[in-house]
Protein backbone atom coordinates (compact mmCIF):
# COMPACT_ATOMS: atom_id res chain seq x y z
CA MET A 1 -0.02 0.02 -0.01
CA GLU A 2 1.26 3.46 -0.86
CA TYR A 3 0.40 6.77 0.73
CA ILE A 4 -0.85 9.52 -1.59
CA LEU A 5 0.15 12.97 -0.32
CA SER A 6 -0.92 16.54 -0.84
CA VAL A 7 1.81 19.08 -1.58
CA GLU A 8 1.54 20.38 1.97
CA GLU A 9 1.76 16.86 3.46
CA MET A 10 4.94 16.23 1.40
CA ARG A 11 6.40 19.42 2.81
CA LYS A 12 5.65 18.21 6.33
CA VAL A 13 7.37 14.87 5.68
CA ASP A 14 10.47 16.71 4.40
CA ALA A 15 10.43 19.09 7.37
CA LEU A 16 10.15 16.24 9.94
CA ALA A 17 12.93 14.31 8.23
CA ILE A 18 15.19 17.39 8.28
CA ASN A 19 14.35 18.92 11.67
CA LYS A 20 13.47 15.90 13.80
CA LEU A 21 15.76 13.21 12.35
CA GLY A 22 18.59 15.31 11.06
CA ILE A 23 18.30 13.97 7.52
CA THR A 24 19.53 17.05 5.70
CA GLY A 25 17.86 18.50 2.60
CA ALA A 26 21.09 17.83 0.73
CA ILE A 27 20.83 14.10 1.54
CA LEU A 28 17.18 14.04 0.43
CA MET A 29 18.10 15.82 -2.79
CA GLU A 30 20.97 13.44 -3.47
CA ASN A 31 18.74 10.39 -2.91
CA ALA A 32 16.08 11.80 -5.20
CA GLY A 33 18.53 12.73 -7.90
CA LEU A 34 20.39 9.42 -7.85
CA LYS A 35 17.20 7.34 -8.03
CA SER A 36 15.89 9.56 -10.86
CA ALA A 37 19.08 9.22 -12.83
CA GLN A 38 19.04 5.45 -12.42
CA CYS A 39 15.43 5.36 -13.65
CA ILE A 40 16.21 7.49 -16.68
CA ALA A 41 19.24 5.38 -17.50
CA ASN A 42 17.15 2.21 -17.32
CA ARG A 43 14.23 3.53 -19.36
CA PHE A 44 16.43 5.02 -22.10
CA ASP A 45 19.14 2.35 -22.15
CA PRO A 46 21.85 2.70 -23.37
CA ILE A 47 22.29 6.12 -21.74
CA ALA A 48 26.00 6.41 -22.56
CA GLY A 49 26.50 8.67 -25.56
CA LYS A 50 22.97 10.19 -25.45
CA SER A 51 22.69 13.93 -25.60
CA ILE A 52 20.48 15.15 -22.73
CA GLY A 53 19.18 18.65 -22.05
CA ILE A 54 18.16 19.49 -18.50
CA ILE A 55 16.05 22.62 -17.91
CA CYS A 56 16.50 23.82 -14.34
CA GLY A 57 14.55 26.34 -12.30
CA LYS A 58 16.05 28.35 -9.47
CA GLY A 59 14.53 26.30 -6.66
CA ASN A 60 14.88 22.77 -5.34
CA ASN A 61 13.37 21.25 -8.49
CA GLY A 62 16.30 22.72 -10.39
CA GLY A 63 18.62 21.35 -7.65
CA ASP A 64 17.28 17.83 -8.30
CA GLY A 65 17.99 18.44 -11.97
CA PHE A 66 21.65 19.26 -11.22
CA VAL A 67 22.02 16.04 -9.21
CA ILE A 68 20.43 13.97 -11.99
CA GLY A 69 22.60 15.58 -14.64
CA ARG A 70 25.75 14.93 -12.61
CA HIS A 71 24.94 11.20 -12.29
CA LEU A 72 23.88 10.86 -15.96
CA SER A 73 27.18 12.46 -16.97
CA GLN A 74 29.11 9.95 -14.89
CA MET A 75 27.16 7.21 -16.78
CA GLY A 76 28.48 8.52 -20.08
CA ALA A 77 25.67 10.83 -21.18
CA GLN A 78 26.44 14.25 -22.73
CA VAL A 79 24.60 16.65 -20.37
CA THR A 80 23.80 20.29 -20.96
CA PHE A 81 21.94 22.40 -18.38
CA SER A 82 19.78 25.41 -19.12
CA LEU A 83 19.30 27.43 -15.90
CA VAL A 84 16.31 29.75 -16.20
CA GLY A 85 17.74 32.73 -14.42
CA LYS A 86 21.20 33.61 -13.20
CA PHE A 87 23.67 31.63 -11.11
CA ALA A 88 23.29 34.27 -8.38
CA ASP A 89 19.52 33.56 -8.14
CA VAL A 90 20.10 30.00 -6.87
CA SER A 91 20.42 29.34 -3.13
CA GLY A 92 20.39 26.57 -0.48
CA ASP A 93 20.76 22.92 -1.45
CA ALA A 94 20.08 23.76 -5.10
CA LYS A 95 23.13 26.08 -5.09
CA VAL A 96 25.28 23.35 -3.52
CA ASN A 97 24.49 21.02 -6.44
CA LEU A 98 24.76 23.83 -9.02
CA ASP A 99 28.28 24.52 -7.71
CA VAL A 100 29.19 20.85 -7.88
CA ALA A 101 28.08 20.68 -11.51
CA ARG A 102 30.10 23.83 -12.28
CA ASN A 103 33.17 22.45 -10.52
CA LEU A 104 32.89 19.32 -12.61
CA GLY A 105 32.99 21.40 -15.69
CA LEU A 106 29.53 20.47 -16.87
CA THR A 107 27.95 22.79 -19.47
CA ILE A 108 25.47 25.22 -17.85
CA HIS A 109 23.79 28.08 -19.78
CA GLU A 110 22.00 30.94 -18.06
CA VAL A 111 18.71 31.53 -19.90
CA GLN A 112 16.82 34.80 -19.85
CA ASN A 113 14.91 34.46 -23.17
CA TRP A 114 13.91 31.07 -24.46
CA ASN A 115 14.79 30.08 -28.05
CA PRO A 116 13.73 26.47 -28.68
CA ALA A 117 15.65 26.30 -31.93
CA ARG A 118 18.83 26.93 -29.98
CA HIS A 119 18.03 25.53 -26.48
CA LEU A 120 16.50 22.22 -27.68
CA ARG A 121 18.69 21.54 -30.66
CA GLY A 122 20.44 18.20 -30.85
CA PHE A 123 19.10 16.51 -27.71
CA ASP A 124 17.92 12.92 -27.58
CA LEU A 125 15.72 13.68 -24.60
CA VAL A 126 14.99 16.65 -22.27
CA ILE A 127 14.54 16.64 -18.50
CA ASP A 128 12.02 19.14 -17.07
CA ALA A 129 13.36 20.30 -13.68
CA LEU A 130 11.78 23.72 -13.95
CA LEU A 131 8.98 24.23 -11.42
CA GLY A 132 8.13 21.05 -9.47
CA THR A 133 5.18 20.75 -7.09
CA GLY A 134 5.21 24.11 -5.31
CA LEU A 135 3.60 26.28 -7.99
CA LYS A 136 0.79 28.61 -6.83
CA GLY A 137 -0.48 30.72 -9.69
CA ASP A 138 -0.64 30.31 -13.45
CA VAL A 139 2.57 29.85 -15.40
CA SER A 140 3.64 32.92 -17.41
CA GLY A 141 6.58 34.53 -19.15
CA VAL A 142 9.62 32.51 -20.08
CA TYR A 143 8.33 29.48 -18.14
CA ALA A 144 5.20 29.37 -20.33
CA ASP A 145 7.37 29.72 -23.43
CA ILE A 146 9.48 26.77 -22.34
CA ILE A 147 6.52 24.53 -21.57
CA GLY A 148 4.86 25.40 -24.90
CA SER A 149 7.94 24.40 -26.82
CA LEU A 150 8.39 21.16 -24.86
CA ASN A 151 4.79 20.15 -25.70
CA ILE A 152 5.43 20.37 -29.47
CA TRP A 153 8.91 18.87 -29.29
CA GLN A 154 9.04 15.45 -30.92
CA LYS A 155 11.38 13.67 -28.51
CA PRO A 156 10.91 12.32 -24.98
CA VAL A 157 10.37 14.66 -22.05
CA VAL A 158 11.00 13.47 -18.49
CA SER A 159 9.66 15.58 -15.62
CA VAL A 160 11.28 15.72 -12.17
CA ASP A 161 8.82 15.47 -9.25
CA ALA A 162 5.92 16.78 -11.36
CA PRO A 163 5.27 18.13 -14.88
CA SER A 164 5.96 21.82 -14.65
CA GLY A 165 2.65 23.69 -14.51
CA LEU A 166 0.61 20.92 -12.83
CA ASP A 167 -1.48 21.65 -9.75
CA CYS A 168 -0.40 18.58 -7.82
CA ASP A 169 -3.39 18.68 -5.50
CA LYS A 170 -6.17 19.15 -8.04
CA GLY A 171 -4.66 17.57 -11.16
CA ARG A 172 -5.24 20.64 -13.35
CA PRO A 173 -2.83 22.69 -15.48
CA LEU A 174 -2.02 26.07 -14.00
CA GLY A 175 -2.34 27.89 -17.33
CA VAL A 176 -0.03 25.57 -19.24
CA CYS A 177 1.60 22.32 -18.20
CA VAL A 178 4.28 20.00 -19.58
CA LYS A 179 2.87 16.83 -21.08
CA SER A 180 5.53 14.36 -19.98
CA ASP A 181 6.41 10.97 -21.29
CA LEU A 182 7.69 9.98 -17.87
CA THR A 183 7.55 11.60 -14.43
CA ILE A 184 9.68 10.67 -11.46
CA THR A 185 8.05 12.03 -8.35
CA MET A 186 9.88 12.40 -5.03
CA GLY A 187 8.91 10.39 -2.01
CA ASN A 188 5.29 9.72 -2.74
CA VAL A 189 2.59 10.17 -5.39
CA LYS A 190 0.77 13.50 -5.09
CA THR A 191 -3.04 13.53 -5.27
CA GLY A 192 -3.25 15.50 -8.55
CA MET A 193 -1.18 12.86 -10.39
CA LEU A 194 -4.10 10.40 -10.11
CA LEU A 195 -6.83 12.87 -11.17
CA TYR A 196 -7.46 13.75 -14.78
CA PRO A 197 -6.07 15.50 -16.71
CA GLY A 198 -3.05 15.26 -14.38
CA ARG A 199 -2.97 11.48 -14.78
CA GLU A 200 -2.40 11.87 -18.54
CA LEU A 201 0.09 14.73 -18.12
CA VAL A 202 2.51 12.77 -15.93
CA GLY A 203 2.86 9.96 -18.50
CA ARG A 204 4.50 6.90 -16.96
CA LEU A 205 4.87 7.49 -13.22
CA PHE A 206 7.75 6.46 -10.99
CA ILE A 207 8.46 7.18 -7.30
CA ALA A 208 11.98 8.06 -6.22
CA ASP A 209 12.23 6.68 -2.67
CA LEU A 210 13.90 9.18 -0.39
CA ASN A 211 14.51 6.54 2.34
CA VAL A 212 12.51 8.48 4.91
CA PRO A 213 11.68 6.20 7.92
CA SER A 214 8.08 5.09 8.28
CA SER A 215 7.98 6.80 11.72
CA VAL A 216 7.85 10.14 9.95
CA PHE A 217 4.67 9.24 8.08
CA GLU A 218 3.12 8.04 11.35
CA GLN A 219 3.39 11.61 12.74
CA ILE A 220 1.24 12.98 9.96
CA ASN A 221 -2.45 12.24 9.66
CA LEU A 222 -2.35 10.73 6.20
CA SER A 223 -5.56 9.35 4.81
CA LYS A 224 -5.14 8.75 1.04
CA TYR A 225 -3.90 5.47 -0.44
CA PHE A 226 -3.57 3.31 -3.52
CA PHE A 227 -3.02 -0.43 -3.32
CA LYS A 228 -0.43 -2.50 -5.10
CA PRO A 229 -1.31 -5.81 -6.84
CA GLU A 230 -0.27 -7.87 -3.82
CA ASP A 231 -2.56 -5.81 -1.58
CA TYR A 232 -5.59 -6.63 -3.73
CA GLN A 233 -4.50 -10.25 -3.84
CA LYS A 234 -4.55 -10.39 -0.03
CA LEU A 235 -8.13 -8.99 0.04
CA LEU A 236 -9.57 -11.96 -1.92
CA PRO A 237 -12.08 -13.85 0.27
CA PRO A 238 -10.83 -17.30 1.38
CA ARG A 239 -12.08 -20.39 -0.44
CA PRO A 240 -11.64 -23.33 1.92
CA GLN A 241 -11.73 -26.69 0.16
CA ASP A 242 -14.34 -28.11 2.52
CA ALA A 243 -16.76 -25.18 2.21
CA TYR A 244 -20.29 -25.35 0.85
CA LYS A 245 -22.42 -22.70 -0.91
CA ASN A 246 -23.89 -21.15 2.23
CA LYS A 247 -20.36 -20.40 3.48
CA PHE A 248 -19.86 -17.94 0.54
CA GLY A 249 -22.88 -15.85 1.35
CA LYS A 250 -26.53 -15.43 0.40
CA LEU A 251 -27.36 -12.24 -1.57
CA LEU A 252 -30.76 -10.74 -2.29
CA VAL A 253 -30.77 -8.44 -5.29
CA LEU A 254 -33.68 -6.00 -5.50
CA ALA A 255 -33.59 -4.70 -9.02
CA GLY A 256 -35.24 -4.40 -12.39
CA SER A 257 -38.39 -2.91 -13.92
CA ARG A 258 -40.05 -3.00 -17.29
CA GLY A 259 -37.57 -1.90 -19.94
CA LEU A 260 -34.63 -2.18 -17.49
CA SER A 261 -34.44 -5.91 -16.92
CA GLY A 262 -30.85 -6.11 -18.18
CA ALA A 263 -29.56 -4.21 -15.12
CA ALA A 264 -30.92 -6.87 -12.78
CA VAL A 265 -29.41 -9.67 -14.91
CA LEU A 266 -25.95 -8.09 -14.94
CA THR A 267 -25.96 -7.46 -11.18
CA SER A 268 -27.16 -10.94 -10.27
CA LYS A 269 -24.68 -12.73 -12.53
CA ALA A 270 -21.79 -10.52 -11.46
CA ALA A 271 -22.45 -11.44 -7.84
CA LEU A 272 -22.17 -15.13 -8.60
CA TYR A 273 -19.12 -14.57 -10.81
CA SER A 274 -17.39 -12.78 -7.90
CA GLY A 275 -17.79 -15.87 -5.76
CA ALA A 276 -21.07 -15.39 -3.81
CA GLY A 277 -22.63 -18.76 -2.94
CA MET A 278 -26.35 -18.05 -3.64
CA VAL A 279 -28.33 -15.24 -5.17
CA ILE A 280 -32.04 -14.47 -5.18
CA LEU A 281 -33.41 -11.77 -7.46
CA GLY A 282 -36.42 -10.00 -6.09
CA CYS A 283 -38.12 -8.63 -9.21
CA PRO A 284 -41.46 -7.34 -10.57
CA GLN A 285 -43.72 -10.41 -11.07
CA GLY A 286 -44.44 -9.51 -14.66
CA LEU A 287 -40.77 -9.97 -15.52
CA ASN A 288 -40.24 -13.19 -13.64
CA SER A 289 -40.51 -15.49 -16.70
CA VAL A 290 -37.87 -13.36 -18.44
CA PHE A 291 -35.46 -13.65 -15.50
CA GLU A 292 -36.07 -17.41 -15.04
CA GLU A 293 -34.95 -17.90 -18.63
CA LYS A 294 -31.94 -15.61 -18.51
CA LEU A 295 -30.72 -16.47 -14.99
CA THR A 296 -30.38 -20.24 -14.75
CA GLU A 297 -28.13 -20.08 -11.68
CA VAL A 298 -30.08 -17.31 -9.88
CA MET A 299 -33.27 -17.94 -7.91
CA THR A 300 -36.11 -15.43 -8.40
CA ASP A 301 -38.76 -14.00 -6.08
CA PRO A 302 -41.62 -12.46 -8.09
CA LEU A 303 -43.01 -9.47 -6.26
CA PRO A 304 -46.03 -7.07 -6.58
CA GLU A 305 -45.56 -4.48 -9.30
CA THR A 306 -46.86 -1.03 -10.26
CA ASP A 307 -48.70 -0.28 -13.47
CA VAL A 308 -45.39 0.55 -15.08
CA GLY A 309 -43.81 -2.76 -14.10
CA SER A 310 -41.70 -1.65 -11.09
CA LEU A 311 -41.76 -2.81 -7.48
CA THR A 312 -44.57 -1.44 -5.30
CA GLU A 313 -44.36 -0.53 -1.64
CA SER A 314 -46.19 -3.74 -0.79
CA ALA A 315 -43.33 -5.70 -2.37
CA PHE A 316 -41.45 -5.14 0.83
CA ASP A 317 -43.95 -7.31 2.77
CA ALA A 318 -43.95 -9.91 0.01
CA VAL A 319 -40.13 -10.22 0.00
CA GLU A 320 -39.98 -10.89 3.77
CA ASP A 321 -38.96 -14.56 3.42
CA SER A 322 -36.11 -13.70 0.99
CA LEU A 323 -34.98 -10.90 3.29
CA GLN A 324 -34.81 -13.29 6.24
CA TRP A 325 -32.82 -15.76 4.11
CA SER A 326 -30.27 -13.27 2.90
CA ASP A 327 -27.01 -12.07 4.41
CA VAL A 328 -26.52 -9.02 2.17
CA LEU A 329 -28.68 -6.81 -0.11
CA ALA A 330 -27.99 -5.14 -3.46
CA LEU A 331 -30.54 -2.45 -4.16
CA GLY A 332 -31.28 -0.28 -7.18
CA PRO A 333 -30.14 -1.34 -10.62
CA GLY A 334 -32.96 -0.78 -13.11
CA LEU A 335 -35.45 -0.25 -10.23
CA SER A 336 -37.21 2.90 -11.63
CA THR A 337 -38.16 6.09 -9.85
CA HIS A 338 -41.95 5.46 -9.70
CA HIS A 339 -43.44 7.09 -6.55
CA ASP A 340 -44.51 3.67 -5.21
CA THR A 341 -41.05 2.27 -5.81
CA VAL A 342 -39.58 5.20 -3.92
CA ARG A 343 -41.65 4.20 -0.89
CA PHE A 344 -40.42 0.59 -1.35
CA VAL A 345 -36.82 1.79 -1.20
CA HIS A 346 -37.49 3.84 1.91
CA ARG A 347 -39.00 0.86 3.70
CA VAL A 348 -35.99 -1.30 2.83
CA LEU A 349 -33.76 1.24 4.58
CA THR A 350 -35.93 1.85 7.57
CA GLU A 351 -37.14 -1.70 8.36
CA GLN A 352 -34.08 -3.90 8.04
CA SER A 353 -30.35 -3.67 8.69
CA ARG A 354 -28.35 -6.07 6.59
CA PRO A 355 -25.16 -4.90 4.84
CA ILE A 356 -26.24 -3.25 1.60
CA VAL A 357 -24.92 -1.97 -1.72
CA ILE A 358 -27.07 0.84 -3.20
CA ASP A 359 -26.72 1.94 -6.81
CA ALA A 360 -28.63 3.65 -9.64
CA ASP A 361 -32.35 4.15 -8.90
CA GLY A 362 -31.79 2.99 -5.34
CA LEU A 363 -29.77 6.26 -4.94
CA ASN A 364 -32.06 8.40 -7.08
CA ASN A 365 -34.96 7.34 -4.81
CA LEU A 366 -33.03 8.65 -1.77
CA ALA A 367 -32.13 12.04 -3.18
CA GLU A 368 -34.93 13.76 -1.27
CA ASN A 369 -34.33 11.81 1.95
CA THR A 370 -30.63 11.33 2.35
CA LYS A 371 -30.93 11.07 6.11
CA LEU A 372 -32.08 7.52 5.62
CA LEU A 373 -28.47 6.67 4.83
CA GLU A 374 -27.30 8.11 8.16
CA ASP A 375 -30.01 6.28 10.10
CA TYR A 376 -29.48 2.93 8.42
CA LYS A 377 -28.12 0.40 10.96
CA GLY A 378 -26.18 -1.89 8.59
CA GLU A 379 -22.91 -1.41 6.67
CA THR A 380 -23.67 0.63 3.57
CA ILE A 381 -21.88 1.08 0.25
CA ILE A 382 -23.19 3.58 -2.33
CA THR A 383 -21.79 3.54 -5.89
CA PRO A 384 -22.89 6.73 -7.64
CA HIS A 385 -21.64 8.23 -10.87
CA VAL A 386 -21.27 11.99 -10.89
CA GLY A 387 -24.91 12.69 -11.83
CA GLU A 388 -26.28 10.49 -9.04
CA PHE A 389 -23.80 11.90 -6.55
CA SER A 390 -24.88 15.42 -7.54
CA ARG A 391 -28.50 14.61 -6.73
CA LEU A 392 -27.53 13.04 -3.44
CA SER A 393 -25.07 15.70 -2.27
CA GLY A 394 -26.66 18.86 -3.73
CA LEU A 395 -23.38 19.73 -5.39
CA SER A 396 -23.19 20.64 -9.09
CA HIS A 397 -21.27 18.47 -11.56
CA ASP A 398 -18.55 21.10 -11.77
CA GLU A 399 -18.19 21.31 -8.02
CA ILE A 400 -17.78 17.55 -7.73
CA LEU A 401 -15.29 17.37 -10.60
CA ARG A 402 -13.24 20.26 -9.21
CA SER A 403 -13.05 18.78 -5.68
CA SER A 404 -13.96 15.13 -6.05
CA VAL A 405 -11.77 13.86 -3.22
CA GLU A 406 -13.01 16.42 -0.73
CA ALA A 407 -16.66 15.86 -1.81
CA VAL A 408 -16.66 12.04 -1.33
CA GLU A 409 -14.65 12.30 1.91
CA ARG A 410 -17.17 14.81 3.37
CA PHE A 411 -20.20 12.80 2.28
CA ALA A 412 -18.84 9.53 3.69
CA LYS A 413 -18.12 11.12 7.06
CA THR A 414 -21.42 13.01 7.22
CA TRP A 415 -23.72 10.11 6.40
CA GLY A 416 -21.63 7.21 7.71
CA VAL A 417 -21.42 5.25 4.44
CA VAL A 418 -18.72 4.00 2.10
CA VAL A 419 -18.86 6.13 -1.01
CA LEU A 420 -17.57 4.80 -4.35
CA LEU A 421 -17.63 7.61 -6.87
CA LYS A 422 -17.38 6.03 -10.33
CA GLY A 423 -15.13 7.84 -12.74
CA ALA A 424 -11.58 8.20 -13.96
CA PRO A 425 -10.27 7.44 -11.47
CA THR A 426 -12.83 5.78 -9.23
CA ILE A 427 -12.47 7.25 -5.73
CA ILE A 428 -13.59 5.34 -2.62
CA ALA A 429 -14.11 7.02 0.80
CA ASP A 430 -14.54 5.33 4.13
CA PRO A 431 -16.61 7.00 6.94
CA GLY A 432 -13.50 7.04 9.04
CA GLY A 433 -11.81 9.36 6.60
CA ALA A 434 -9.63 7.07 4.47
CA ILE A 435 -9.58 7.64 0.70
CA TYR A 436 -8.60 5.02 -1.88
CA PHE A 437 -7.88 5.51 -5.60
CA ASN A 438 -8.60 2.70 -8.01
CA PRO A 439 -5.88 2.30 -10.73
CA SER A 440 -7.66 -0.15 -13.05
CA GLY A 441 -10.14 0.44 -15.84
CA ASN A 442 -10.37 2.19 -19.23
CA SER A 443 -12.71 4.42 -21.25
CA GLY A 444 -14.30 1.37 -22.93
CA MET A 445 -16.10 0.85 -19.62
CA ALA A 446 -18.12 3.98 -20.17
CA THR A 447 -21.00 1.91 -21.43
CA ALA A 448 -24.53 1.17 -20.26
CA GLY A 449 -24.66 -1.61 -17.63
CA ALA A 450 -21.03 -1.44 -16.54
CA GLY A 451 -22.10 0.05 -13.17
CA ASP A 452 -24.59 -2.83 -12.68
CA VAL A 453 -21.74 -5.32 -13.06
CA LEU A 454 -19.77 -3.36 -10.45
CA THR A 455 -22.66 -3.44 -7.97
CA GLY A 456 -22.91 -7.22 -8.32
CA ILE A 457 -19.18 -7.78 -7.81
CA ILE A 458 -19.07 -5.58 -4.72
CA ALA A 459 -22.18 -7.20 -3.24
CA GLY A 460 -20.74 -10.59 -3.94
CA PHE A 461 -17.61 -9.75 -1.95
CA LEU A 462 -19.74 -8.29 0.80
CA ALA A 463 -21.69 -11.52 0.99
CA GLN A 464 -18.34 -13.35 1.38
CA LYS A 465 -17.78 -11.49 4.61
CA LEU A 466 -15.45 -8.75 3.45
CA SER A 467 -15.89 -5.40 5.30
CA ALA A 468 -17.69 -2.71 3.38
CA ILE A 469 -14.53 -0.74 2.59
CA ASP A 470 -12.59 -3.87 1.52
CA ALA A 471 -15.48 -5.05 -0.70
CA ALA A 472 -15.67 -1.66 -2.36
CA VAL A 473 -11.89 -1.34 -2.89
CA LEU A 474 -11.45 -4.88 -4.20
CA GLY A 475 -14.68 -4.77 -6.20
CA ALA A 476 -13.66 -1.56 -8.01
CA PHE A 477 -10.24 -3.04 -8.85
CA VAL A 478 -11.56 -6.41 -10.13
CA HIS A 479 -14.23 -4.65 -12.16
CA GLY A 480 -11.72 -2.34 -13.73
CA LEU A 481 -9.23 -5.14 -14.38
CA ALA A 482 -11.96 -7.23 -16.03
CA GLY A 483 -12.64 -4.19 -18.19
CA ASP A 484 -8.95 -4.01 -19.05
CA ARG A 485 -8.97 -7.68 -20.06
CA ALA A 486 -12.04 -7.13 -22.22
CA ALA A 487 -10.42 -4.12 -23.90
CA SER A 488 -7.24 -6.09 -24.62
CA LEU A 489 -9.34 -8.74 -26.35
CA LEU A 490 -11.95 -6.62 -28.10
CA GLY A 491 -10.74 -3.00 -28.10
CA GLN A 492 -12.31 -0.23 -26.12
CA ARG A 493 -14.64 1.11 -28.78
CA GLY A 494 -17.00 -1.81 -29.11
CA MET A 495 -16.93 -3.53 -25.72
CA VAL A 496 -20.15 -3.72 -23.69
CA ALA A 497 -20.97 -4.43 -20.09
CA GLY A 498 -21.50 -8.16 -20.77
CA ASP A 499 -17.84 -8.34 -21.91
CA ILE A 500 -16.72 -7.01 -18.52
CA LEU A 501 -18.97 -9.56 -16.80
CA GLU A 502 -17.59 -12.45 -18.88
CA GLN A 503 -13.98 -11.54 -18.01
CA THR A 504 -14.61 -11.44 -14.24
CA PRO A 505 -13.93 -15.12 -13.41
CA GLN A 506 -10.63 -15.18 -15.29
CA THR A 507 -9.62 -11.86 -13.74
CA LEU A 508 -10.14 -13.32 -10.28
CA ALA A 509 -8.20 -16.45 -11.20
CA ASP A 510 -5.32 -14.38 -12.48
CA LEU A 511 -5.26 -12.19 -9.38
CA GLU A 512 -5.39 -15.23 -7.09
CA ASN A 513 -2.60 -17.11 -8.91
CA MET A 514 -0.09 -14.34 -9.31
CA ASP A 515 3.36 -15.10 -8.00
CA LYS A 516 6.21 -12.73 -7.29
CA ASP A 517 7.68 -13.09 -10.77
CA SER A 518 4.41 -12.12 -12.51
CA LEU A 519 3.70 -9.24 -10.18
CA ALA A 520 6.28 -7.01 -11.81
CA GLU A 521 4.68 -7.32 -15.21
CA TYR A 522 1.22 -6.97 -13.73
CA SER A 523 2.30 -3.74 -11.97
CA GLU A 524 3.02 -1.87 -15.19
CA PRO A 525 -0.02 0.45 -14.92
CA PHE A 526 0.86 1.36 -11.32
CA PRO A 527 3.30 3.99 -10.11
CA ILE A 528 6.60 2.07 -9.54
CA ARG A 529 8.70 2.82 -6.46
CA LEU A 530 12.40 3.02 -7.18
CA PHE A 531 14.14 1.27 -4.25
């Protein structure tokens, strides 16, 4: 598991390491620069003989650049530095490393006016050590000129710590931003590197380990994480050889209405595909024959329906036996927002207390009575997309997209539920304040029914006795990885929700059977820590 830090949290880590432990800024800069140089040499092997331009700012980001250049030069690269400013403008640890580079006779040009024809000519790759993570306002002047030229340059660009111009908390360009092929960030991933468009701007992401002791992180109230493949593997529910179906959980799915039967099918099948032992679908009685034909492994419970083919309030009394049988509920896919169905949903949340996953119309039917979530006595997972979350929270789409992490964190704490906000990336918030980012998935999953598959997978894990937060975190990852498998087989443009569903069993098998040798290849989409 990796911590994800804000810019301010990273500053606190550095300050504690320097002031409390006596690990000087110079040592941190040397560690960062050496790891970065080793990463660059590995990714652009052979590095000897390559011509490398390093564009350095006046602060510590530029200092990292001087360390990187020194090590690359010792590996046989031909290094040229462009310092944006004057030698006299550089101070502190950055000046120490500037002076070392000068004493070694490395080529360093002071740059006041940027001329890409001159300053980029002849390089095999360029290293962006211009601004780093500490930028406040929009980029302007010579810095904007440099970034503009790097973004139309036809050769690789590597950014040090962060692409220059990126808001590392929000993931947005500050005016203009370098679009890197590869970013080596210092210490830990910053939040904005996982949020779009920041996630695209960083390119391939590596973490330069600064060798800061774990005790430093324990002194800061860190709450944001992403898991590594082995962490997800450990979350998989156990499958003892002598178990029987009841041991893997009994799930009641309350879903479907006339015209929306597919949602109920996808959710029910996904729950079984994720390992749940038994599933009953509580459905409108007029659709029962359809479901009995489509769902050969799922039991059905036909319930009273409205004149539009959705569940009535009285369906709650009719489903009593199935409720008593079940361990876990999944509520909402394809349910409809008929006024009688709204009352059915409200009764579910007020008159029983099983662990529950609520999605789609289950959420839409709570938009006017969100307090039911707070009052619900069982573990609760909600899985909204931005539109559904807007209706629940009262925030506009733009407000959610601008501050998605803060929005889900606040909602989870306020209403006491696990919130999984579907998107790129999917963000999961625990009522205790922890935030998890899901790394898997692709744009081919932006297709009708994909969310219904997710609901079923999460509910299936919940039925297998995972905690709500673990079921949501693992479910999001498996769902996204199944989507990645489908995309690799079919392409992203034409894949549908059923393709994600069909890839779920093999995805689980792959995750369970991974060994240490295969983990490295499997980790390719993840930020890689450079030890």
